[in-house]
Amino acid sequence: MALRFILLIFSYLPLAAHFLRGGEYVMAVVTTSFPLLALFRTRTVTRILQTGLVAGVFVVWLPTLVNLVQMRMVTGQPWLRMALILGGVMCFSLLSAWLAKGIIRSEKNNNILFD
């Protein structure tokens, strides 16, 4: 459980940094505080966290990847390493979303942070 919580934090922080770099301070604060919802450990909260990560991949990271690759190709700069790094960020976010299903509170163990 603790590892899954840490993975959520490390998936949402780059997303918040992306918003912060773009000057979207409210979204940066919201995205940074999103993993704290995992402390409630309900099915609805888990689905919200998973949806946030998947939406982050398809609404933020994928368009950013396409735009940066196109910009670098036009200017003649190397783009493969940047594409691999952003691809890794997207895969890590999707993996964290998939593993977040284990955060749901079990009936026999109601411990908030650790199973």
C-alpha atoms as a PDB file:
ATOM      1  CA  MET A   1       0.000   0.000   0.000  1.00  0.00           C
ATOM      2  CA  ALA A   2       2.768   2.454   0.906  1.00  0.00           C
ATOM      3  CA  LEU A   3       4.585   1.728  -2.360  1.00  0.00           C
ATOM      4  CA  ARG A   4       1.402   2.407  -4.329  1.00  0.00           C
ATOM      5  CA  PHE A   5       0.913   5.686  -2.490  1.00  0.00           C
ATOM      6  CA  ILE A   6       4.504   6.692  -3.280  1.00  0.00           C
ATOM      7  CA  LEU A   7       3.958   5.793  -6.941  1.00  0.00           C
ATOM      8  CA  LEU A   8       0.895   8.037  -6.991  1.00  0.00           C
ATOM      9  CA  ILE A   9       2.894  10.907  -5.557  1.00  0.00           C
ATOM     10  CA  PHE A  10       5.700  10.423  -8.083  1.00  0.00           C
ATOM     11  CA  SER A  11       3.175  10.305 -10.919  1.00  0.00           C
ATOM     12  CA  TYR A  12       1.317  13.454  -9.946  1.00  0.00           C
ATOM     13  CA  LEU A  13       4.397  15.583  -9.138  1.00  0.00           C
ATOM     14  CA  PRO A  14       5.734  15.794 -12.735  1.00  0.00           C
ATOM     15  CA  LEU A  15       2.235  16.682 -13.864  1.00  0.00           C
ATOM     16  CA  ALA A  16       2.118  19.467 -11.277  1.00  0.00           C
ATOM     17  CA  ALA A  17       5.567  20.642 -12.353  1.00  0.00           C
ATOM     18  CA  HIS A  18       4.342  20.788 -15.938  1.00  0.00           C
ATOM     19  CA  PHE A  19       1.426  22.995 -14.890  1.00  0.00           C
ATOM     20  CA  LEU A  20       3.698  25.149 -12.728  1.00  0.00           C
ATOM     21  CA  ARG A  21       6.111  25.694 -15.604  1.00  0.00           C
ATOM     22  CA  GLY A  22       3.191  26.748 -17.779  1.00  0.00           C
ATOM     23  CA  GLY A  23       2.046  29.305 -15.210  1.00  0.00           C
ATOM     24  CA  GLU A  24      -1.105  27.401 -14.244  1.00  0.00           C
ATOM     25  CA  TYR A  25      -0.648  27.726 -10.495  1.00  0.00           C
ATOM     26  CA  VAL A  26      -4.116  26.561  -9.445  1.00  0.00           C
ATOM     27  CA  MET A  27      -3.787  23.357 -11.466  1.00  0.00           C
ATOM     28  CA  ALA A  28      -0.305  22.827 -10.005  1.00  0.00           C
ATOM     29  CA  VAL A  29      -1.655  23.048  -6.445  1.00  0.00           C
ATOM     30  CA  VAL A  30      -4.645  20.818  -7.234  1.00  0.00           C
ATOM     31  CA  THR A  31      -2.459  18.234  -8.938  1.00  0.00           C
ATOM     32  CA  THR A  32       0.052  18.270  -6.098  1.00  0.00           C
ATOM     33  CA  SER A  33      -2.645  17.677  -3.496  1.00  0.00           C
ATOM     34  CA  PHE A  34      -4.486  14.992  -5.490  1.00  0.00           C
ATOM     35  CA  PRO A  35      -2.532  12.028  -4.022  1.00  0.00           C
ATOM     36  CA  LEU A  36      -3.739  13.035  -0.544  1.00  0.00           C
ATOM     37  CA  LEU A  37      -7.167  11.776  -1.599  1.00  0.00           C
ATOM     38  CA  ALA A  38      -5.705   8.266  -1.392  1.00  0.00           C
ATOM     39  CA  LEU A  39      -5.863   8.519   2.386  1.00  0.00           C
ATOM     40  CA  PHE A  40      -9.643   8.018   2.177  1.00  0.00           C
ATOM     41  CA  ARG A  41      -9.183   4.679   0.398  1.00  0.00           C
ATOM     42  CA  THR A  42     -12.604   4.252  -1.145  1.00  0.00           C
ATOM     43  CA  ARG A  43     -13.465   2.898  -4.568  1.00  0.00           C
ATOM     44  CA  THR A  44     -14.663   6.313  -5.771  1.00  0.00           C
ATOM     45  CA  VAL A  45     -11.465   8.065  -4.692  1.00  0.00           C
ATOM     46  CA  THR A  46      -9.384   5.367  -6.348  1.00  0.00           C
ATOM     47  CA  ARG A  47     -11.287   5.809  -9.609  1.00  0.00           C
ATOM     48  CA  ILE A  48     -10.807   9.595  -9.408  1.00  0.00           C
ATOM     49  CA  LEU A  49      -7.058   9.157  -8.918  1.00  0.00           C
ATOM     50  CA  GLN A  50      -6.836   6.661 -11.766  1.00  0.00           C
ATOM     51  CA  THR A  51      -8.874   8.886 -14.065  1.00  0.00           C
ATOM     52  CA  GLY A  52      -6.656  11.849 -13.207  1.00  0.00           C
ATOM     53  CA  LEU A  53      -3.516   9.957 -14.175  1.00  0.00           C
ATOM     54  CA  VAL A  54      -4.968   8.552 -17.390  1.00  0.00           C
ATOM     55  CA  ALA A  55      -6.336  11.971 -18.327  1.00  0.00           C
ATOM     56  CA  GLY A  56      -2.938  13.463 -17.566  1.00  0.00           C
ATOM     57  CA  VAL A  57      -1.337  11.059 -20.020  1.00  0.00           C
ATOM     58  CA  PHE A  58      -3.777  11.675 -22.863  1.00  0.00           C
ATOM     59  CA  VAL A  59      -4.592  15.360 -22.277  1.00  0.00           C
ATOM     60  CA  VAL A  60      -1.214  16.673 -21.094  1.00  0.00           C
ATOM     61  CA  TRP A  61       1.703  14.349 -21.831  1.00  0.00           C
ATOM     62  CA  LEU A  62       0.738  13.038 -25.267  1.00  0.00           C
ATOM     63  CA  PRO A  63       0.035  16.486 -26.817  1.00  0.00           C
ATOM     64  CA  THR A  64       3.203  17.816 -25.169  1.00  0.00           C
ATOM     65  CA  LEU A  65       5.179  14.949 -26.678  1.00  0.00           C
ATOM     66  CA  VAL A  66       3.760  15.539 -30.152  1.00  0.00           C
ATOM     67  CA  ASN A  67       4.337  19.310 -29.983  1.00  0.00           C
ATOM     68  CA  LEU A  68       7.902  19.021 -28.719  1.00  0.00           C
ATOM     69  CA  VAL A  69       8.850  16.359 -31.261  1.00  0.00           C
ATOM     70  CA  GLN A  70       7.424  18.452 -34.094  1.00  0.00           C
ATOM     71  CA  MET A  71       9.179  21.583 -32.841  1.00  0.00           C
ATOM     72  CA  ARG A  72      12.517  19.809 -32.506  1.00  0.00           C
ATOM     73  CA  MET A  73      12.215  18.145 -35.895  1.00  0.00           C
ATOM     74  CA  VAL A  74      11.497  21.489 -37.574  1.00  0.00           C
ATOM     75  CA  THR A  75      14.472  23.163 -35.907  1.00  0.00           C
ATOM     76  CA  GLY A  76      16.777  20.214 -36.571  1.00  0.00           C
ATOM     77  CA  GLN A  77      17.379  19.424 -32.915  1.00  0.00           C
ATOM     78  CA  PRO A  78      17.631  15.877 -31.564  1.00  0.00           C
ATOM     79  CA  TRP A  79      14.250  14.637 -30.384  1.00  0.00           C
ATOM     80  CA  LEU A  80      14.536  10.893 -29.696  1.00  0.00           C
ATOM     81  CA  ARG A  81      15.874  11.154 -26.139  1.00  0.00           C
ATOM     82  CA  MET A  82      13.158  13.657 -25.195  1.00  0.00           C
ATOM     83  CA  ALA A  83      10.505  11.392 -26.739  1.00  0.00           C
ATOM     84  CA  LEU A  84      11.808   8.398 -24.790  1.00  0.00           C
ATOM     85  CA  ILE A  85      11.801  10.350 -21.519  1.00  0.00           C
ATOM     86  CA  LEU A  86       8.229  11.576 -22.012  1.00  0.00           C
ATOM     87  CA  GLY A  87       7.227   8.074 -23.115  1.00  0.00           C
ATOM     88  CA  GLY A  88       8.670   6.763 -19.855  1.00  0.00           C
ATOM     89  CA  VAL A  89       6.724   9.377 -17.888  1.00  0.00           C
ATOM     90  CA  MET A  90       3.528   8.322 -19.666  1.00  0.00           C
ATOM     91  CA  CYS A  91       4.174   4.609 -19.029  1.00  0.00           C
ATOM     92  CA  PHE A  92       4.981   5.285 -15.366  1.00  0.00           C
ATOM     93  CA  SER A  93       1.747   7.264 -14.969  1.00  0.00           C
ATOM     94  CA  LEU A  94      -0.306   4.509 -16.577  1.00  0.00           C
ATOM     95  CA  LEU A  95       1.398   1.884 -14.396  1.00  0.00           C
ATOM     96  CA  SER A  96       0.656   3.951 -11.289  1.00  0.00           C
ATOM     97  CA  ALA A  97      -2.980   4.292 -12.351  1.00  0.00           C
ATOM     98  CA  TRP A  98      -3.214   0.533 -12.809  1.00  0.00           C
ATOM     99  CA  LEU A  99      -1.578  -0.195  -9.443  1.00  0.00           C
ATOM    100  CA  ALA A 100      -3.759   2.347  -7.612  1.00  0.00           C
ATOM    101  CA  LYS A 101      -6.561  -0.205  -7.438  1.00  0.00           C
ATOM    102  CA  GLY A 102      -4.752  -1.785  -4.463  1.00  0.00           C
ATOM    103  CA  ILE A 103      -5.333   1.312  -2.321  1.00  0.00           C
ATOM    104  CA  ILE A 104      -8.982   0.432  -1.651  1.00  0.00           C
ATOM    105  CA  ARG A 105      -9.700  -0.216   2.010  1.00  0.00           C
ATOM    106  CA  SER A 106     -10.254  -3.864   2.821  1.00  0.00           C
ATOM    107  CA  GLU A 107     -12.921  -4.925   5.298  1.00  0.00           C
ATOM    108  CA  LYS A 108     -10.538  -6.857   7.561  1.00  0.00           C
ATOM    109  CA  ASN A 109      -7.811  -4.196   7.663  1.00  0.00           C
ATOM    110  CA  ASN A 110      -8.869  -0.599   8.169  1.00  0.00           C
ATOM    111  CA  ASN A 111      -5.390   0.820   8.624  1.00  0.00           C
ATOM    112  CA  ILE A 112      -5.239   4.156   6.796  1.00  0.00           C
ATOM    113  CA  LEU A 113      -1.705   4.186   5.414  1.00  0.00           C
ATOM    114  CA  PHE A 114      -0.341   0.658   5.364  1.00  0.00           C
ATOM    115  CA  ASP A 115      -1.773  -2.787   4.748  1.00  0.00           C
END
